[in-house]
C-alpha atoms as a PDB file:
ATOM      1  CA  MET A   1       0.000   0.000   0.000  1.00  0.00           C
ATOM      2  CA  THR A   2       1.503   3.334  -1.068  1.00  0.00           C
ATOM      3  CA  SER A   3       0.703   6.598   0.586  1.00  0.00           C
ATOM      4  CA  ASN A   4       0.323   9.959  -1.111  1.00  0.00           C
ATOM      5  CA  ALA A   5       1.330  11.711   2.100  1.00  0.00           C
ATOM      6  CA  PRO A   6       4.553  13.744   1.928  1.00  0.00           C
ATOM      7  CA  HIS A   7       7.639  12.382   3.666  1.00  0.00           C
ATOM      8  CA  GLN A   8       8.306  13.665   7.170  1.00  0.00           C
ATOM      9  CA  ASP A   9      11.391  15.610   6.060  1.00  0.00           C
ATOM     10  CA  THR A  10       9.265  17.399   3.428  1.00  0.00           C
ATOM     11  CA  LEU A  11       6.622  18.183   6.057  1.00  0.00           C
ATOM     12  CA  ASP A  12       9.347  19.579   8.326  1.00  0.00           C
ATOM     13  CA  LEU A  13      10.680  21.718   5.471  1.00  0.00           C
ATOM     14  CA  ALA A  14       7.157  22.975   4.749  1.00  0.00           C
ATOM     15  CA  ALA A  15       6.680  23.911   8.413  1.00  0.00           C
ATOM     16  CA  ASP A  16      10.023  25.738   8.519  1.00  0.00           C
ATOM     17  CA  LEU A  17       9.199  27.587   5.289  1.00  0.00           C
ATOM     18  CA  ARG A  18       5.747  28.597   6.554  1.00  0.00           C
ATOM     19  CA  ALA A  19       7.228  29.885   9.809  1.00  0.00           C
ATOM     20  CA  ALA A  20      10.007  31.838   8.056  1.00  0.00           C
ATOM     21  CA  LEU A  21       7.640  33.421   5.531  1.00  0.00           C
ATOM     22  CA  GLY A  22       5.153  34.237   8.291  1.00  0.00           C
ATOM     23  CA  SER A  23       7.864  35.933  10.326  1.00  0.00           C
ATOM     24  CA  LEU A  24       9.006  37.950   7.306  1.00  0.00           C
ATOM     25  CA  VAL A  25       5.450  39.053   6.509  1.00  0.00           C
ATOM     26  CA  ARG A  26       4.823  40.095  10.133  1.00  0.00           C
ATOM     27  CA  THR A  27       8.077  42.074  10.175  1.00  0.00           C
ATOM     28  CA  LEU A  28       7.129  43.870   6.962  1.00  0.00           C
ATOM     29  CA  ARG A  29       3.605  44.618   8.203  1.00  0.00           C
ATOM     30  CA  ASP A  30       4.972  46.308  11.324  1.00  0.00           C
ATOM     31  CA  ASN A  31       5.877  49.353   9.211  1.00  0.00           C
ATOM     32  CA  ASP A  32       2.763  49.411   7.030  1.00  0.00           C
ATOM     33  CA  ASP A  33       0.479  52.427   6.871  1.00  0.00           C
ATOM     34  CA  LEU A  34      -2.358  50.522   5.213  1.00  0.00           C
ATOM     35  CA  PRO A  35      -4.258  47.881   7.175  1.00  0.00           C
ATOM     36  CA  PRO A  36      -3.850  44.445   5.548  1.00  0.00           C
ATOM     37  CA  ASN A  37      -7.462  44.270   4.348  1.00  0.00           C
ATOM     38  CA  GLN A  38      -7.211  47.667   2.652  1.00  0.00           C
ATOM     39  CA  ALA A  39      -3.839  46.833   1.090  1.00  0.00           C
ATOM     40  CA  ALA A  40      -5.310  43.577  -0.243  1.00  0.00           C
ATOM     41  CA  VAL A  41      -8.260  45.384  -1.835  1.00  0.00           C
ATOM     42  CA  LEU A  42      -6.003  48.029  -3.362  1.00  0.00           C
ATOM     43  CA  GLY A  43      -3.679  45.305  -4.609  1.00  0.00           C
ATOM     44  CA  LEU A  44      -6.575  43.612  -6.362  1.00  0.00           C
ATOM     45  CA  LEU A  45      -7.889  46.848  -7.908  1.00  0.00           C
ATOM     46  CA  VAL A  46      -4.444  47.986  -9.063  1.00  0.00           C
ATOM     47  CA  ARG A  47      -3.297  44.590 -10.332  1.00  0.00           C
ATOM     48  CA  ASP A  48      -6.486  43.919 -12.298  1.00  0.00           C
ATOM     49  CA  GLU A  49      -6.761  47.544 -13.495  1.00  0.00           C
ATOM     50  CA  ARG A  50     -10.532  47.457 -13.258  1.00  0.00           C
ATOM     51  CA  SER A  51     -13.441  48.310 -11.015  1.00  0.00           C
ATOM     52  CA  TYR A  52     -15.388  45.852  -8.886  1.00  0.00           C
ATOM     53  CA  THR A  53     -18.641  45.956  -6.970  1.00  0.00           C
ATOM     54  CA  VAL A  54     -18.522  45.444  -3.208  1.00  0.00           C
ATOM     55  CA  ALA A  55     -20.025  41.976  -3.713  1.00  0.00           C
ATOM     56  CA  GLU A  56     -17.335  41.070  -6.252  1.00  0.00           C
ATOM     57  CA  LEU A  57     -14.584  42.343  -3.938  1.00  0.00           C
ATOM     58  CA  ALA A  58     -16.051  40.377  -1.038  1.00  0.00           C
ATOM     59  CA  ASP A  59     -16.156  37.255  -3.173  1.00  0.00           C
ATOM     60  CA  ARG A  60     -12.603  37.719  -4.466  1.00  0.00           C
ATOM     61  CA  ARG A  61     -11.266  38.357  -0.941  1.00  0.00           C
ATOM     62  CA  ARG A  62     -13.480  35.640   0.596  1.00  0.00           C
ATOM     63  CA  VAL A  63     -15.033  37.891   3.217  1.00  0.00           C
ATOM     64  CA  ARG A  64     -18.607  38.773   4.092  1.00  0.00           C
ATOM     65  CA  HIS A  65     -20.306  41.492   2.062  1.00  0.00           C
ATOM     66  CA  GLN A  66     -20.820  43.588   5.221  1.00  0.00           C
ATOM     67  CA  SER A  67     -17.116  43.410   6.068  1.00  0.00           C
ATOM     68  CA  MET A  68     -16.121  44.497   2.576  1.00  0.00           C
ATOM     69  CA  ALA A  69     -18.703  47.294   2.589  1.00  0.00           C
ATOM     70  CA  ARG A  70     -17.117  48.640   5.792  1.00  0.00           C
ATOM     71  CA  THR A  71     -13.597  48.350   4.352  1.00  0.00           C
ATOM     72  CA  VAL A  72     -14.656  50.148   1.163  1.00  0.00           C
ATOM     73  CA  ALA A  73     -16.370  52.893   3.188  1.00  0.00           C
ATOM     74  CA  LEU A  74     -13.198  53.500   5.204  1.00  0.00           C
ATOM     75  CA  MET A  75     -11.089  53.501   2.059  1.00  0.00           C
ATOM     76  CA  SER A  76     -13.481  55.883   0.352  1.00  0.00           C
ATOM     77  CA  GLU A  77     -13.346  58.265   3.338  1.00  0.00           C
ATOM     78  CA  ALA A  78      -9.540  58.146   3.157  1.00  0.00           C
ATOM     79  CA  GLY A  79      -9.590  58.887  -0.583  1.00  0.00           C
ATOM     80  CA  LEU A  80      -8.010  55.544  -1.507  1.00  0.00           C
ATOM     81  CA  VAL A  81     -10.937  54.401  -3.667  1.00  0.00           C
ATOM     82  CA  ALA A  82     -13.718  56.103  -5.561  1.00  0.00           C
ATOM     83  CA  GLN A  83     -17.225  54.831  -6.102  1.00  0.00           C
ATOM     84  CA  GLN A  84     -19.219  55.367  -9.251  1.00  0.00           C
ATOM     85  CA  PRO A  85     -22.643  54.110 -10.309  1.00  0.00           C
ATOM     86  CA  HIS A  86     -22.772  50.736 -12.017  1.00  0.00           C
ATOM     87  CA  PRO A  87     -23.618  51.298 -15.725  1.00  0.00           C
ATOM     88  CA  THR A  88     -26.382  48.670 -15.871  1.00  0.00           C
ATOM     89  CA  ASP A  89     -27.553  48.274 -12.248  1.00  0.00           C
ATOM     90  CA  GLY A  90     -28.413  51.478 -10.438  1.00  0.00           C
ATOM     91  CA  ARG A  91     -28.445  49.677  -7.074  1.00  0.00           C
ATOM     92  CA  LYS A  92     -24.718  48.933  -7.279  1.00  0.00           C
ATOM     93  CA  GLN A  93     -21.551  50.993  -7.121  1.00  0.00           C
ATOM     94  CA  LEU A  94     -18.270  50.249  -8.851  1.00  0.00           C
ATOM     95  CA  ILE A  95     -15.151  50.623  -6.738  1.00  0.00           C
ATOM     96  CA  ALA A  96     -11.862  51.754  -8.305  1.00  0.00           C
ATOM     97  CA  ALA A  97      -8.488  52.739  -6.867  1.00  0.00           C
ATOM     98  CA  THR A  98      -7.811  56.465  -6.908  1.00  0.00           C
ATOM     99  CA  GLU A  99      -4.394  57.905  -7.694  1.00  0.00           C
ATOM    100  CA  ALA A 100      -3.940  58.412  -3.942  1.00  0.00           C
ATOM    101  CA  GLY A 101      -4.805  54.754  -3.353  1.00  0.00           C
ATOM    102  CA  ARG A 102      -2.443  53.589  -6.071  1.00  0.00           C
ATOM    103  CA  PHE A 103       0.316  55.818  -4.640  1.00  0.00           C
ATOM    104  CA  ALA A 104      -0.266  54.536  -1.075  1.00  0.00           C
ATOM    105  CA  LEU A 105      -0.054  50.931  -2.246  1.00  0.00           C
ATOM    106  CA  LEU A 106       3.071  51.492  -4.341  1.00  0.00           C
ATOM    107  CA  GLU A 107       4.727  53.421  -1.502  1.00  0.00           C
ATOM    108  CA  GLN A 108       4.002  50.602   0.921  1.00  0.00           C
ATOM    109  CA  ARG A 109       5.437  48.063  -1.518  1.00  0.00           C
ATOM    110  CA  ALA A 110       8.527  50.236  -2.032  1.00  0.00           C
ATOM    111  CA  ARG A 111       9.070  50.483   1.755  1.00  0.00           C
ATOM    112  CA  ARG A 112       8.775  46.710   2.081  1.00  0.00           C
ATOM    113  CA  GLU A 113      11.223  46.134  -0.780  1.00  0.00           C
ATOM    114  CA  HIS A 114      13.647  48.644   0.741  1.00  0.00           C
ATOM    115  CA  HIS A 115      13.444  46.871   4.102  1.00  0.00           C
ATOM    116  CA  ILE A 116      14.127  43.494   2.474  1.00  0.00           C
ATOM    117  CA  ALA A 117      16.973  44.877   0.330  1.00  0.00           C
ATOM    118  CA  THR A 118      18.616  46.470   3.367  1.00  0.00           C
ATOM    119  CA  ALA A 119      18.384  43.201   5.284  1.00  0.00           C
ATOM    120  CA  ILE A 120      19.798  41.249   2.325  1.00  0.00           C
ATOM    121  CA  GLU A 121      22.767  43.598   1.982  1.00  0.00           C
ATOM    122  CA  SER A 122      23.524  43.755   5.699  1.00  0.00           C
ATOM    123  CA  ARG A 123      22.933  40.113   6.689  1.00  0.00           C
ATOM    124  CA  LEU A 124      23.766  37.922   3.708  1.00  0.00           C
ATOM    125  CA  SER A 125      27.050  37.149   1.989  1.00  0.00           C
ATOM    126  CA  THR A 126      27.378  37.262  -1.778  1.00  0.00           C
ATOM    127  CA  ALA A 127      27.036  33.476  -1.937  1.00  0.00           C
ATOM    128  CA  GLU A 128      23.949  33.562   0.278  1.00  0.00           C
ATOM    129  CA  ARG A 129      22.419  36.207  -1.967  1.00  0.00           C
ATOM    130  CA  GLU A 130      22.826  33.879  -4.948  1.00  0.00           C
ATOM    131  CA  HIS A 131      21.167  31.073  -2.973  1.00  0.00           C
ATOM    132  CA  LEU A 132      18.331  33.439  -2.126  1.00  0.00           C
ATOM    133  CA  ARG A 133      17.940  34.430  -5.778  1.00  0.00           C
ATOM    134  CA  ALA A 134      17.624  30.762  -6.736  1.00  0.00           C
ATOM    135  CA  SER A 135      15.187  30.227  -3.869  1.00  0.00           C
ATOM    136  CA  VAL A 136      12.925  32.987  -5.166  1.00  0.00           C
ATOM    137  CA  GLU A 137      12.580  31.120  -8.442  1.00  0.00           C
ATOM    138  CA  LEU A 138      11.707  27.949  -6.517  1.00  0.00           C
ATOM    139  CA  LEU A 139       9.120  29.783  -4.414  1.00  0.00           C
ATOM    140  CA  GLN A 140       7.528  31.148  -7.582  1.00  0.00           C
ATOM    141  CA  ARG A 141       7.241  27.593  -8.895  1.00  0.00           C
ATOM    142  CA  LEU A 142       5.520  26.516  -5.659  1.00  0.00           C
ATOM    143  CA  SER A 143       2.888  29.196  -6.038  1.00  0.00           C
END
């Protein structure tokens, strides 16, 4: 009888990877101006270069409609997103990133990249940097 379960050493590697990535993400979030839910919504709007309804955003982010409506309201108040009437359904609003929202997201990303680059330069040798570069390609293949 063969098992499809990963080997224990692979499970251990997966646990170590999850913990290391989690620690890195938490460290990066410590300096963020945007709350994670708002950054995620802006990331979606900017990446897809389109507008979404609140229901579509909630579905894409896998949160309740009420939660997304509150997030969008806060973002709208902060000038990060703009709402406009849906062209075919007057009951709905389309949500799009504003220039201020796009700038806030890109600034946050730039700060994170700067933090990572500084850590790479100050903590890793040239050889370790090459290992890290190869590891990035492997991580991309895993996702």
